Amino acid sequence: MKKSLLIVCVVVTLLTGCKEEESFLAGKIYVHLLYPTYEECLADNSGSNFFSCSWDVSFYGDGDMDIVVTDIINSGTYYTKGEKIYITLEDDVELPKQFTFTIVSKTELVLDLDGSTWLLEE
């Protein structure tokens, strides 16, 4: 009886461990700033040339996500395994169809494609 209970506890812990990693992402937005300050961004993007001051990735609780790296919203899905977030996009317009982020902490991600840092939006 004790052995069966221990096995059940281990299995439940393993299953919920993955969900905990995904749940900390749910509803979060991470941002990669393209300029050190907003003022520098505005100065560089004056007039009709304004493009973007940052890129962002939004994670939803159902495994869906959006990433904006220019002015186009790229939609897709994600799942986590260990310290990696695996992304699959619907289209490969601006980014590869599949890529990963490394989870540095709950407030910091690194895009493995280019090593850029993405911080939790506050």
Protein backbone atom coordinates (compact mmCIF):
# COMPACT_ATOMS: atom_id res chain seq x y z
CA MET A 1 0.00 0.00 0.00
CA LYS A 2 2.75 2.47 0.93
CA LYS A 3 4.65 1.57 -2.24
CA SER A 4 1.56 2.22 -4.42
CA LEU A 5 0.99 5.57 -2.73
CA LEU A 6 4.63 6.54 -3.31
CA ILE A 7 4.38 5.63 -6.99
CA VAL A 8 1.19 7.68 -7.36
CA CYS A 9 2.87 10.67 -5.67
CA VAL A 10 5.91 10.45 -7.95
CA VAL A 11 3.76 10.23 -11.09
CA VAL A 12 1.58 13.17 -10.00
CA THR A 13 4.66 15.25 -9.20
CA LEU A 14 6.21 14.51 -12.58
CA LEU A 15 3.01 15.41 -14.41
CA THR A 16 2.35 18.60 -12.50
CA GLY A 17 5.99 19.66 -12.75
CA CYS A 18 5.63 20.25 -16.49
CA LYS A 19 2.37 22.11 -16.02
CA GLU A 20 3.97 24.39 -13.44
CA GLU A 21 6.57 25.51 -16.00
CA GLU A 22 3.89 26.18 -18.59
CA SER A 23 1.61 27.88 -16.08
CA PHE A 24 4.25 30.43 -15.08
CA LEU A 25 4.32 31.53 -18.74
CA ALA A 26 0.54 31.75 -19.14
CA GLY A 27 -0.61 35.34 -19.45
CA LYS A 28 2.95 36.69 -19.53
CA ILE A 29 4.56 38.98 -22.09
CA TYR A 30 8.34 39.11 -22.54
CA VAL A 31 9.98 42.05 -24.32
CA HIS A 32 13.28 42.46 -26.15
CA LEU A 33 14.21 46.15 -26.27
CA LEU A 34 15.85 47.29 -29.51
CA TYR A 35 17.16 50.53 -27.98
CA PRO A 36 18.62 51.37 -24.57
CA THR A 37 15.99 54.08 -24.03
CA TYR A 38 12.63 55.05 -25.47
CA GLU A 39 14.02 58.48 -26.38
CA GLU A 40 16.76 56.88 -28.53
CA CYS A 41 14.13 54.77 -30.24
CA LEU A 42 12.03 57.81 -31.07
CA ALA A 43 15.06 59.73 -32.34
CA ASP A 44 16.04 56.84 -34.63
CA ASN A 45 12.47 56.30 -35.85
CA SER A 46 11.44 59.89 -36.51
CA GLY A 47 8.84 60.85 -39.06
CA SER A 48 7.36 58.27 -41.38
CA ASN A 49 10.23 55.81 -40.76
CA PHE A 50 8.92 54.72 -37.35
CA PHE A 51 9.13 50.97 -37.05
CA SER A 52 9.44 49.48 -33.59
CA CYS A 53 11.17 50.02 -30.26
CA SER A 54 10.86 46.44 -29.07
CA TRP A 55 9.88 42.90 -29.95
CA ASP A 56 7.54 40.91 -27.73
CA VAL A 57 6.27 37.39 -27.19
CA SER A 58 2.94 36.68 -25.46
CA PHE A 59 2.15 33.29 -23.93
CA TYR A 60 -1.41 32.11 -23.31
CA GLY A 61 -2.63 29.39 -20.94
CA ASP A 62 -3.81 27.07 -23.68
CA GLY A 63 -0.37 26.63 -25.27
CA ASP A 64 -0.96 29.35 -27.85
CA MET A 65 1.42 32.26 -28.29
CA ASP A 66 2.10 35.33 -30.42
CA ILE A 67 5.46 36.90 -31.23
CA VAL A 68 6.01 40.31 -32.82
CA VAL A 69 9.49 40.98 -34.21
CA THR A 70 8.62 43.80 -36.61
CA ASP A 71 5.06 44.94 -37.16
CA ILE A 72 3.60 41.50 -37.96
CA ILE A 73 1.97 39.29 -35.34
CA ASN A 74 3.24 35.72 -35.79
CA SER A 75 0.94 33.19 -34.09
CA GLY A 76 1.78 29.68 -33.02
CA THR A 77 1.97 27.20 -30.17
CA TYR A 78 4.46 26.45 -27.41
CA TYR A 79 5.36 23.83 -24.86
CA THR A 80 8.11 23.61 -22.27
CA LYS A 81 10.53 20.85 -21.47
CA GLY A 82 13.17 21.48 -18.85
CA GLU A 83 14.72 24.88 -19.42
CA LYS A 84 13.49 25.18 -23.02
CA ILE A 85 10.36 26.68 -24.55
CA TYR A 86 9.63 25.07 -27.91
CA ILE A 87 7.83 27.33 -30.39
CA THR A 88 6.03 26.29 -33.58
CA LEU A 89 4.67 29.12 -35.72
CA GLU A 90 1.78 28.84 -38.17
CA ASP A 91 3.87 30.57 -40.86
CA ASP A 92 7.58 31.28 -41.30
CA VAL A 93 7.33 34.86 -42.52
CA GLU A 94 9.89 36.56 -40.25
CA LEU A 95 11.20 33.69 -38.16
CA PRO A 96 11.80 29.98 -38.71
CA LYS A 97 8.70 27.86 -38.25
CA GLN A 98 10.30 26.21 -35.19
CA PHE A 99 12.71 27.69 -32.66
CA THR A 100 13.39 27.78 -28.92
CA PHE A 101 13.85 30.08 -25.98
CA THR A 102 15.99 29.17 -22.97
CA ILE A 103 14.39 29.93 -19.61
CA VAL A 104 16.99 31.80 -17.55
CA SER A 105 14.49 32.67 -14.83
CA LYS A 106 10.79 33.42 -14.55
CA THR A 107 11.60 37.00 -15.59
CA GLU A 108 14.20 36.38 -18.31
CA LEU A 109 14.30 34.34 -21.52
CA VAL A 110 16.98 34.03 -24.20
CA LEU A 111 16.04 33.55 -27.84
CA ASP A 112 18.33 30.73 -28.98
CA LEU A 113 18.34 31.96 -32.60
CA ASP A 114 20.40 35.04 -31.80
CA GLY A 115 21.11 35.06 -28.04
CA SER A 116 18.88 38.10 -27.43
CA THR A 117 17.50 38.68 -23.94
CA TRP A 118 13.75 38.98 -23.41
CA LEU A 119 12.52 40.35 -20.07
CA LEU A 120 9.14 39.99 -18.41
CA GLU A 121 7.00 43.04 -19.09
CA GLU A 122 6.08 44.81 -15.88
